[in-house]
C-alpha cells in the first residue's frame, strides 16, 4: 500500500512539473500597453485621464458603481505617448470634460433647441363621466411620475452624500405650444424652457422650468379670455431607447404645473407620456398623450364649474443645436 502511495505522489509531481511550464509559456502577456493600443482593442470604451493624486477618489467612485479592479499581473501602462496635457483635477473628467459644451448624453452638456407643439384638448363629449375619466388619468399618471421621480431624487442625494456624483445635463429651448379644443376654445403658450437633471445609465431625471406669454380662451366654463405672462415648473423623466449618443429616442414623462399673471386663473397642470424619435443628429419628433387640469378661482360668479379636466394629445417637432 505504501509503495502505491509513493508511486502515485511521484507521478502526480512529474505531471504538474510538465503541465505548469507549458501553460505558463502559452499565456504570455504583453509587457506594456498605451492609449492607442487600448482604443484599438476597445473602440467603444471610455478612457478617463486622471492625475495620480486624484486616482484614489476615482477608484472609490468606480467601486461604488460596481466596477472591479484588474487582477494582479495586469501589465503596466506606458504613458509616454498616452497623455497630452492631462487634467489636474478629477472634477474636469468625472462626467466628461466639463469645459466642453457638447450634445452627448451623460456629460456636462449645455444643449439648445427650438420646439413646436400642436395638441388637442378634449373632455370626451363634455359629459361628467368623461370628465371624471380625464381626472383619473391625471391622478394616476401624475402619481406614478412623482413616485418614480422621488426615488431618483433620494438616490441622487444618497450618492452625493457618499461622494458619488452623477453626470449632469442642461437644456435651453424656445417653445411654442398650441392647444385647441374647438375653434372658439384654445390655449397658446410661447416662451423659454430650461431643463436640468442627472443621468443614471439610460435614465434621465430632472426639473423643467418655463416662462413666457400665454393666450387662453375658454368657452366650456363660460366665455373667458386671458392673455399675459405664464409660468410652469415640474419634474420630468426620460429613458433612452436607442444607442445613438447625440439624439437618441426617448420614452418620456412629465408633470408640469403653473398659472398666469391673472387673478382669475388658478392652477394649470399637465401630465404627459410620450415617445420622442430622433430623426437625424439634430431633428426630432415626438407624440404624447395625457391629461390637463384647468382650475379657475371662484371669484368668477358667471362660471358654474371652476375645475375642469381634459384629455390632451399631440405632436411635437424640434431641432437641437
Protein backbone atom coordinates (compact mmCIF):
# COMPACT_ATOMS: atom_id res chain seq x y z
CA UNK A 1 0.00 0.00 0.00
CA UNK A 2 2.79 2.40 0.94
CA UNK A 3 4.52 1.62 -2.35
CA UNK A 4 1.39 2.54 -4.33
CA UNK A 5 1.07 5.85 -2.49
CA UNK A 6 4.71 6.76 -3.19
CA UNK A 7 4.32 5.88 -6.90
CA UNK A 8 1.13 7.99 -7.05
CA UNK A 9 2.85 11.04 -5.49
CA UNK A 10 5.83 10.73 -7.87
CA UNK A 11 3.57 10.53 -10.94
CA UNK A 12 1.44 13.46 -9.73
CA UNK A 13 4.55 15.60 -9.18
CA UNK A 14 6.00 14.76 -12.59
CA UNK A 15 2.70 15.53 -14.31
CA UNK A 16 2.36 19.03 -12.80
CA UNK A 17 6.02 19.90 -13.39
CA UNK A 18 5.32 19.21 -17.07
CA UNK A 19 1.92 20.92 -17.39
CA UNK A 20 2.59 24.15 -15.49
CA UNK A 21 5.63 25.31 -17.52
CA UNK A 22 3.78 24.58 -20.75
CA UNK A 23 0.75 26.53 -19.53
CA UNK A 24 2.93 29.41 -18.37
CA UNK A 25 4.57 29.61 -21.78
CA UNK A 26 1.19 29.63 -23.56
CA UNK A 27 -0.08 32.58 -21.51
CA UNK A 28 2.23 35.41 -22.39
CA UNK A 29 1.03 38.93 -21.67
CA UNK A 30 2.41 41.98 -23.37
CA UNK A 31 4.88 43.96 -21.37
CA UNK A 32 3.34 47.39 -21.95
CA UNK A 33 0.23 48.94 -23.45
CA UNK A 34 -0.57 52.55 -24.29
CA UNK A 35 -3.72 54.52 -25.03
CA UNK A 36 -3.53 53.83 -28.76
CA UNK A 37 -3.48 50.09 -28.06
CA UNK A 38 -6.45 50.36 -25.69
CA UNK A 39 -8.50 52.32 -28.23
CA UNK A 40 -7.73 49.71 -30.88
CA UNK A 41 -8.68 46.79 -28.64
CA UNK A 42 -11.72 48.50 -27.07
CA UNK A 43 -13.11 51.09 -29.53
CA UNK A 44 -16.31 51.66 -27.52
CA UNK A 45 -14.57 52.09 -24.17
CA UNK A 46 -14.46 55.43 -22.34
CA UNK A 47 -10.90 56.33 -21.30
CA UNK A 48 -10.63 58.77 -18.40
CA UNK A 49 -7.48 60.83 -17.87
CA UNK A 50 -6.80 61.37 -14.20
CA UNK A 51 -3.82 62.60 -12.24
CA UNK A 52 -2.03 60.32 -9.80
CA UNK A 53 -3.24 62.39 -6.85
CA UNK A 54 -6.90 62.05 -7.88
CA UNK A 55 -6.80 58.35 -8.74
CA UNK A 56 -7.85 57.13 -5.23
CA UNK A 57 -11.03 59.23 -5.43
CA UNK A 58 -11.84 57.82 -8.89
CA UNK A 59 -11.13 54.32 -7.63
CA UNK A 60 -13.63 54.80 -4.79
CA UNK A 61 -16.30 56.05 -7.19
CA UNK A 62 -15.80 53.12 -9.55
CA UNK A 63 -16.01 50.67 -6.65
CA UNK A 64 -19.30 52.30 -5.55
CA UNK A 65 -20.70 51.78 -9.07
CA UNK A 66 -19.84 48.08 -9.02
CA UNK A 67 -16.60 48.07 -11.02
CA UNK A 68 -13.81 45.71 -10.02
CA UNK A 69 -10.08 46.28 -10.12
CA UNK A 70 -7.98 44.41 -12.67
CA UNK A 71 -6.44 41.17 -11.47
CA UNK A 72 -2.87 41.07 -10.26
CA UNK A 73 -0.39 40.72 -13.09
CA UNK A 74 -2.02 43.29 -15.37
CA UNK A 75 0.75 44.83 -17.46
CA UNK A 76 1.79 48.38 -16.61
CA UNK A 77 0.67 51.20 -18.84
CA UNK A 78 3.33 53.03 -20.79
CA UNK A 79 2.16 56.64 -20.65
CA UNK A 80 5.00 58.09 -22.70
CA UNK A 81 2.65 58.83 -25.61
CA UNK A 82 -0.71 58.37 -23.93
CA UNK A 83 -1.40 61.79 -22.42
CA UNK A 84 -1.35 65.27 -23.75
CA UNK A 85 -1.84 67.93 -21.07
CA UNK A 86 -3.63 65.64 -18.58
CA UNK A 87 -6.12 67.46 -16.33
CA UNK A 88 -5.04 68.37 -12.86
CA UNK A 89 -8.45 67.84 -11.29
CA UNK A 90 -10.78 64.85 -11.19
CA UNK A 91 -13.77 67.19 -11.42
CA UNK A 92 -12.96 68.04 -15.04
CA UNK A 93 -13.27 64.42 -16.18
CA UNK A 94 -15.82 62.95 -13.78
CA UNK A 95 -18.62 63.23 -16.36
CA UNK A 96 -16.59 64.03 -19.42
CA UNK A 97 -14.77 67.30 -19.98
CA UNK A 98 -16.90 69.85 -18.13
CA UNK A 99 -15.43 72.66 -20.21
CA UNK A 100 -16.83 71.08 -23.38
CA UNK A 101 -20.38 72.09 -24.25
CA UNK A 102 -21.46 69.11 -26.32
CA UNK A 103 -24.62 67.18 -27.14
CA UNK A 104 -23.54 63.80 -25.85
CA UNK A 105 -25.89 62.50 -23.14
CA UNK A 106 -24.25 61.81 -19.82
CA UNK A 107 -21.69 64.58 -20.00
CA UNK A 108 -21.86 68.06 -18.54
CA UNK A 109 -23.58 69.32 -21.67
CA UNK A 110 -25.48 72.50 -22.49
CA UNK A 111 -27.91 71.98 -25.36
CA UNK A 112 -30.11 74.47 -27.21
CA UNK A 113 -33.22 73.65 -29.22
CA UNK A 114 -36.30 75.08 -30.92
CA UNK A 115 -39.51 73.26 -30.05
CA UNK A 116 -43.03 73.39 -31.56
CA UNK A 117 -46.02 71.50 -30.17
CA UNK A 118 -49.57 71.12 -31.55
CA UNK A 119 -52.06 69.46 -29.18
CA UNK A 120 -55.76 68.75 -28.92
CA UNK A 121 -57.71 69.26 -25.71
CA UNK A 122 -60.80 67.07 -25.28
CA UNK A 123 -63.13 66.39 -22.35
CA UNK A 124 -64.64 63.45 -24.25
CA UNK A 125 -68.03 64.75 -25.26
CA UNK A 126 -68.17 67.16 -22.33
CA UNK A 127 -70.03 64.68 -20.14
CA UNK A 128 -69.40 64.29 -16.43
CA UNK A 129 -68.28 60.65 -16.83
CA UNK A 130 -65.76 61.63 -19.50
CA UNK A 131 -64.54 64.48 -17.33
CA UNK A 132 -64.01 62.01 -14.48
CA UNK A 133 -62.09 59.73 -16.84
CA UNK A 134 -59.65 62.54 -17.64
CA UNK A 135 -59.37 63.28 -13.92
CA UNK A 136 -58.49 59.63 -13.19
CA UNK A 137 -55.80 59.68 -15.90
CA UNK A 138 -54.42 62.90 -14.42
CA UNK A 139 -54.22 61.48 -10.88
CA UNK A 140 -52.85 58.03 -11.80
CA UNK A 141 -50.21 59.19 -14.29
CA UNK A 142 -49.24 62.13 -12.09
CA UNK A 143 -48.81 59.87 -9.05
CA UNK A 144 -46.59 57.45 -10.99
CA UNK A 145 -44.39 60.29 -12.26
CA UNK A 146 -43.98 61.85 -8.82
CA UNK A 147 -43.27 58.49 -7.16
CA UNK A 148 -40.58 57.41 -9.66
CA UNK A 149 -39.05 60.89 -9.73
CA UNK A 150 -38.86 60.96 -5.93
CA UNK A 151 -36.99 57.63 -5.93
CA UNK A 152 -34.41 59.10 -8.30
CA UNK A 153 -34.06 62.19 -6.10
CA UNK A 154 -33.39 60.10 -2.97
CA UNK A 155 -30.84 58.02 -4.88
CA UNK A 156 -29.16 61.18 -6.16
CA UNK A 157 -28.96 62.71 -2.67
CA UNK A 158 -27.57 59.47 -1.27
CA UNK A 159 -24.91 59.33 -3.99
CA UNK A 160 -23.87 62.90 -3.25
CA UNK A 161 -23.56 62.09 0.44
CA UNK A 162 -21.20 59.22 -0.42
CA UNK A 163 -19.14 61.25 -2.90
CA UNK A 164 -20.56 59.50 -5.97
CA UNK A 165 -21.55 62.36 -8.29
CA UNK A 166 -23.74 61.61 -11.31
CA UNK A 167 -23.36 63.08 -14.78
CA UNK A 168 -25.44 66.21 -15.37
CA UNK A 169 -27.19 67.72 -18.38
CA UNK A 170 -28.76 71.12 -19.12
CA UNK A 171 -31.10 72.16 -21.92
CA UNK A 172 -32.42 75.55 -23.05
CA UNK A 173 -35.20 75.74 -25.65
CA UNK A 174 -37.60 78.16 -27.25
CA UNK A 175 -41.06 76.57 -27.06
CA UNK A 176 -44.32 77.28 -28.84
CA UNK A 177 -47.37 75.24 -27.79
CA UNK A 178 -50.84 75.48 -29.31
CA UNK A 179 -53.70 73.57 -27.62
CA UNK A 180 -57.11 73.50 -29.31
CA UNK A 181 -60.48 72.10 -28.34
CA UNK A 182 -62.78 73.93 -30.74
CA UNK A 183 -62.41 76.97 -32.96
CA UNK A 184 -63.50 79.15 -30.05
CA UNK A 185 -61.58 77.44 -27.24
CA UNK A 186 -57.81 77.27 -27.14
CA UNK A 187 -54.64 77.83 -25.12
CA UNK A 188 -51.44 79.23 -26.63
CA UNK A 189 -48.09 79.29 -24.80
CA UNK A 190 -44.88 80.78 -26.17
CA UNK A 191 -41.77 81.08 -24.03
CA UNK A 192 -38.36 79.84 -22.92
CA UNK A 193 -37.85 76.49 -21.22
CA UNK A 194 -34.90 75.36 -19.10
CA UNK A 195 -34.43 71.72 -18.12
CA UNK A 196 -31.71 70.36 -15.88
CA UNK A 197 -31.06 66.97 -14.36
CA UNK A 198 -28.81 63.97 -13.85
CA UNK A 199 -28.24 60.69 -15.66
CA UNK A 200 -28.38 57.15 -14.30
CA UNK A 201 -27.33 54.78 -17.07
CA UNK A 202 -30.03 55.09 -19.74
CA UNK A 203 -32.33 57.07 -17.43
CA UNK A 204 -32.55 60.84 -17.03
CA UNK A 205 -34.47 62.72 -14.36
CA UNK A 206 -34.72 66.42 -13.74
CA UNK A 207 -36.76 69.58 -13.40
CA UNK A 208 -38.36 71.72 -16.09
CA UNK A 209 -38.92 75.49 -15.85
CA UNK A 210 -40.85 77.50 -18.44
CA UNK A 211 -41.71 81.20 -18.64
CA UNK A 212 -43.41 83.19 -21.40
CA UNK A 213 -46.56 84.66 -22.95
CA UNK A 214 -49.97 82.97 -22.94
CA UNK A 215 -53.29 83.48 -24.71
CA UNK A 216 -56.11 81.38 -23.23
CA UNK A 217 -59.76 81.38 -24.28
CA UNK A 218 -62.27 79.08 -22.55
CA UNK A 219 -65.92 78.55 -23.50
CA UNK A 220 -66.78 75.27 -21.73
CA UNK A 221 -66.91 77.02 -18.38
CA UNK A 222 -68.15 80.42 -19.50
CA UNK A 223 -66.52 82.72 -22.02
CA UNK A 224 -63.23 83.88 -20.62
CA UNK A 225 -60.08 85.10 -22.36
CA UNK A 226 -56.80 85.75 -20.59
CA UNK A 227 -53.55 86.97 -22.12
CA UNK A 228 -50.26 87.73 -20.43
CA UNK A 229 -47.37 86.16 -18.54
CA UNK A 230 -47.41 82.45 -17.62
CA UNK A 231 -45.06 80.04 -15.85
CA UNK A 232 -44.69 76.27 -15.47
CA UNK A 233 -42.46 74.11 -13.29
CA UNK A 234 -42.34 70.37 -12.65
CA UNK A 235 -40.47 67.06 -12.70
CA UNK A 236 -39.61 65.12 -15.84
CA UNK A 237 -38.32 61.62 -16.59
CA UNK A 238 -36.97 60.02 -19.75
CA UNK A 239 -35.35 56.76 -20.75
CA UNK A 240 -33.07 56.24 -23.76
CA UNK A 241 -34.47 53.60 -26.09
CA UNK A 242 -31.72 53.60 -28.74
CA UNK A 243 -27.90 53.69 -28.70
CA UNK A 244 -27.38 56.96 -30.58
CA UNK A 245 -25.32 59.28 -28.40
CA UNK A 246 -26.27 62.67 -29.82
CA UNK A 247 -30.01 62.43 -30.50
CA UNK A 248 -31.44 59.12 -29.24
CA UNK A 249 -35.07 58.05 -28.97
CA UNK A 250 -36.68 58.66 -25.58
CA UNK A 251 -39.65 57.37 -23.66
CA UNK A 252 -40.53 60.42 -21.59
CA UNK A 253 -42.95 61.51 -18.88
CA UNK A 254 -43.59 64.94 -17.40
CA UNK A 255 -45.74 66.68 -14.79
CA UNK A 256 -45.96 70.47 -15.08
CA UNK A 257 -47.98 72.92 -13.00
CA UNK A 258 -48.25 76.70 -13.09
CA UNK A 259 -50.52 79.64 -13.68
CA UNK A 260 -50.75 83.06 -15.32
CA UNK A 261 -50.47 86.61 -14.04
CA UNK A 262 -54.27 86.97 -13.94
CA UNK A 263 -56.14 86.73 -10.66
CA UNK A 264 -58.96 84.81 -12.36
CA UNK A 265 -56.73 81.89 -13.29
CA UNK A 266 -55.83 79.33 -10.66
CA UNK A 267 -53.85 76.18 -11.35
CA UNK A 268 -52.90 74.91 -14.82
CA UNK A 269 -51.42 71.42 -14.65
CA UNK A 270 -50.47 68.79 -17.23
CA UNK A 271 -49.32 65.18 -17.08
CA UNK A 272 -47.99 63.65 -20.29
CA UNK A 273 -46.46 60.40 -21.50
CA UNK A 274 -44.71 60.50 -24.87
CA UNK A 275 -42.19 58.94 -27.20
CA UNK A 276 -39.55 61.06 -28.88
CA UNK A 277 -37.87 59.90 -32.10
CA UNK A 278 -34.51 61.22 -33.26
CA UNK A 279 -34.98 61.91 -36.99
CA UNK A 280 -31.34 62.89 -37.52
CA UNK A 281 -28.43 64.12 -35.42
CA UNK A 282 -30.37 67.33 -34.72
CA UNK A 283 -34.06 67.00 -35.65
CA UNK A 284 -36.61 65.11 -33.57
CA UNK A 285 -40.35 64.43 -33.36
CA UNK A 286 -42.49 63.15 -30.53
CA UNK A 287 -46.06 62.08 -29.83
CA UNK A 288 -47.70 62.45 -26.43
CA UNK A 289 -50.88 61.71 -24.51
CA UNK A 290 -52.13 62.68 -21.08
CA UNK A 291 -54.48 64.94 -19.18
CA UNK A 292 -54.74 68.61 -18.23
CA UNK A 293 -56.44 70.34 -15.33
CA UNK A 294 -57.68 73.94 -15.52
CA UNK A 295 -58.80 75.46 -12.26
CA UNK A 296 -60.28 78.93 -12.07
CA UNK A 297 -60.70 80.91 -8.89
CA UNK A 298 -64.26 81.04 -7.59
CA UNK A 299 -64.43 84.82 -7.81
CA UNK A 300 -65.93 84.35 -11.30
CA UNK A 301 -69.63 84.30 -10.46
CA UNK A 302 -70.70 83.66 -14.07
CA UNK A 303 -68.75 80.36 -14.19
CA UNK A 304 -70.62 77.28 -12.96
CA UNK A 305 -67.68 74.81 -12.92
CA UNK A 306 -64.30 76.15 -11.88
CA UNK A 307 -62.40 72.83 -12.07
CA UNK A 308 -62.18 71.12 -15.47
CA UNK A 309 -60.17 68.09 -16.66
CA UNK A 310 -59.31 67.41 -20.29
CA UNK A 311 -57.60 64.67 -22.23
CA UNK A 312 -54.65 66.07 -24.15
CA UNK A 313 -52.73 64.53 -27.04
CA UNK A 314 -50.49 65.95 -29.71
CA UNK A 315 -47.38 66.02 -31.87
CA UNK A 316 -44.13 67.84 -31.21
CA UNK A 317 -41.26 68.65 -33.57
CA UNK A 318 -37.96 70.31 -32.77
CA UNK A 319 -34.35 70.94 -33.71
CA UNK A 320 -31.41 70.92 -31.31
CA UNK A 321 -28.06 72.59 -31.87
